[in-house]
Amino acid sequence: MFTEPVSILIVESQPLMRAALTNTLSAEGFTVFGSVWNSQTMRTASKLRPDLVLLSVGTSSWDDLKSISSLRERLPSALIVALITGEFPGQEQEALEQGAHLVVKKSVSRSALLDTLNKLLKKTQPVNMLATVQ
């Protein structure tokens, strides 16, 4: 179980999406850090030690998905939530196989995202391969 405030690292290359997520989560009392994926992201994540990482994997590149397992290695206690577009077949399953705790489509409503993240953060047992949220 997490103590307040929960810290969230948002890794999203689209500035508008990153800003919307930051505003939404900050308004709910989360400590939020935003980043784009670059050569410094792993170092930044290791330094910040967030409780949760929202990782955008919205491109067709499978390299995005492989970064999930790298984050899990660097941040073993952090929850990893993959944000996907849902445009590419097999993306959800691959994100789970790479170690995401949860997969959420970017099109999910604000309230559904907040509800899902709060439920995920309140788990007292280890979370394994949760179903995707549409």
Protein backbone atom coordinates (compact mmCIF):
# COMPACT_ATOMS: atom_id res chain seq x y z
CA MET A 1 0.00 0.00 0.00
CA PHE A 2 1.26 3.46 -0.85
CA THR A 3 1.41 6.42 1.46
CA GLU A 4 0.42 9.87 0.29
CA PRO A 5 1.45 11.64 -1.81
CA VAL A 6 1.92 9.11 -4.56
CA SER A 7 4.48 10.10 -7.18
CA ILE A 8 3.81 9.43 -10.85
CA LEU A 9 6.23 9.73 -13.75
CA ILE A 10 4.48 10.33 -17.07
CA VAL A 11 6.57 9.36 -20.10
CA GLU A 12 4.68 10.74 -23.09
CA SER A 13 6.09 12.32 -26.25
CA GLN A 14 2.93 14.26 -27.14
CA PRO A 15 3.04 17.56 -25.21
CA LEU A 16 -0.75 18.01 -25.10
CA MET A 17 -1.37 14.50 -23.80
CA ARG A 18 1.44 14.88 -21.25
CA ALA A 19 0.00 18.21 -20.08
CA ALA A 20 -3.54 16.81 -19.84
CA LEU A 21 -2.36 13.82 -17.79
CA THR A 22 -0.21 16.05 -15.59
CA ASN A 23 -3.09 18.45 -14.91
CA THR A 24 -5.57 15.65 -14.23
CA LEU A 25 -3.31 13.75 -11.85
CA SER A 26 -1.97 16.86 -10.09
CA ALA A 27 -5.53 18.02 -9.43
CA GLU A 28 -6.13 14.70 -7.66
CA GLY A 29 -3.20 15.25 -5.30
CA PHE A 30 -0.57 13.12 -7.01
CA THR A 31 3.02 14.37 -7.29
CA VAL A 32 3.57 14.30 -11.04
CA PHE A 33 6.72 14.45 -13.15
CA GLY A 34 6.54 14.61 -16.94
CA SER A 35 9.10 13.44 -19.45
CA VAL A 36 9.55 12.45 -23.05
CA TRP A 37 11.34 9.21 -23.85
CA ASN A 38 14.99 9.94 -24.52
CA SER A 39 18.44 8.75 -23.52
CA GLN A 40 18.03 10.27 -20.04
CA THR A 41 14.64 8.76 -19.16
CA MET A 42 15.97 5.69 -17.35
CA ARG A 43 18.39 7.80 -15.34
CA THR A 44 15.63 10.28 -14.49
CA ALA A 45 13.26 7.48 -13.48
CA SER A 46 15.91 5.89 -11.26
CA LYS A 47 16.63 9.21 -9.60
CA LEU A 48 12.96 10.13 -9.03
CA ARG A 49 11.91 6.65 -7.87
CA PRO A 50 8.22 7.15 -8.71
CA ASP A 51 5.52 4.92 -7.24
CA LEU A 52 3.94 4.59 -10.67
CA VAL A 53 5.07 5.14 -14.25
CA LEU A 54 2.58 5.97 -17.00
CA LEU A 55 4.49 4.95 -20.13
CA SER A 56 3.14 5.84 -23.54
CA VAL A 57 3.72 3.08 -26.07
CA GLY A 58 1.55 4.56 -28.79
CA THR A 59 3.79 3.96 -31.76
CA SER A 60 4.17 0.85 -33.83
CA SER A 61 7.71 0.39 -32.53
CA TRP A 62 8.12 -2.66 -30.33
CA ASP A 63 11.15 -0.96 -28.79
CA ASP A 64 8.67 1.15 -26.79
CA LEU A 65 7.31 -2.01 -25.28
CA LYS A 66 10.74 -3.40 -24.45
CA SER A 67 11.37 -0.32 -22.30
CA ILE A 68 8.73 -1.68 -19.91
CA SER A 69 10.98 -4.53 -18.84
CA SER A 70 13.90 -2.12 -18.47
CA LEU A 71 11.81 0.09 -16.19
CA ARG A 72 10.76 -2.94 -14.14
CA GLU A 73 14.43 -3.84 -13.63
CA ARG A 74 15.41 -0.30 -12.62
CA LEU A 75 12.30 0.36 -10.53
CA PRO A 76 11.22 -2.99 -9.07
CA SER A 77 8.77 -1.43 -6.61
CA ALA A 78 7.11 0.92 -9.13
CA LEU A 79 3.89 0.06 -10.87
CA ILE A 80 4.14 0.32 -14.66
CA VAL A 81 1.03 1.32 -16.60
CA ALA A 82 1.29 1.18 -20.39
CA LEU A 83 -0.72 3.81 -22.23
CA ILE A 84 -1.57 2.54 -25.71
CA THR A 85 -3.45 3.79 -28.73
CA GLY A 86 -4.91 0.35 -29.42
CA GLU A 87 -4.18 0.77 -33.12
CA PHE A 88 -1.73 -2.10 -33.41
CA PRO A 89 -2.73 -5.76 -33.02
CA GLY A 90 -1.14 -7.51 -30.08
CA GLN A 91 0.02 -4.29 -28.40
CA GLU A 92 -1.94 -4.92 -25.19
CA GLN A 93 -0.71 -8.49 -24.74
CA GLU A 94 2.89 -7.56 -25.58
CA ALA A 95 2.83 -4.76 -22.98
CA LEU A 96 1.66 -7.23 -20.34
CA GLU A 97 4.25 -9.80 -21.40
CA GLN A 98 6.97 -7.16 -21.11
CA GLY A 99 5.93 -6.55 -17.50
CA ALA A 100 3.28 -3.83 -17.45
CA HIS A 101 1.02 -4.12 -14.42
CA LEU A 102 -1.82 -2.61 -16.38
CA VAL A 103 -2.59 -1.50 -19.92
CA VAL A 104 -4.85 1.51 -20.49
CA LYS A 105 -6.03 2.89 -23.82
CA LYS A 106 -5.30 6.58 -24.25
CA SER A 107 -8.94 7.12 -25.17
CA VAL A 108 -10.20 6.08 -21.70
CA SER A 109 -12.22 8.74 -19.89
CA ARG A 110 -10.57 10.87 -17.22
CA SER A 111 -12.79 9.44 -14.49
CA ALA A 112 -12.14 5.84 -15.55
CA LEU A 113 -8.39 6.47 -15.60
CA LEU A 114 -8.42 8.00 -12.13
CA ASP A 115 -10.62 5.24 -10.74
CA THR A 116 -8.38 2.56 -12.24
CA LEU A 117 -5.14 4.14 -10.99
CA ASN A 118 -6.58 4.58 -7.50
CA LYS A 119 -7.65 0.93 -7.39
CA LEU A 120 -4.25 -0.17 -8.63
CA LEU A 121 -2.44 1.96 -6.03
CA LYS A 122 -4.61 0.68 -3.16
CA LYS A 123 -3.73 -2.96 -3.74
CA THR A 124 -1.98 -4.37 -0.69
CA GLN A 125 -0.76 -7.48 -2.49
CA PRO A 126 1.61 -7.55 -5.45
CA VAL A 127 -0.16 -6.78 -8.70
CA ASN A 128 0.40 -9.15 -11.58
CA MET A 129 -0.73 -8.79 -15.17
CA LEU A 130 -4.01 -6.97 -14.63
CA ALA A 131 -6.52 -6.91 -17.43
CA THR A 132 -6.55 -3.98 -19.80
CA VAL A 133 -8.79 -1.00 -19.31
CA GLN A 134 -10.67 0.10 -22.42
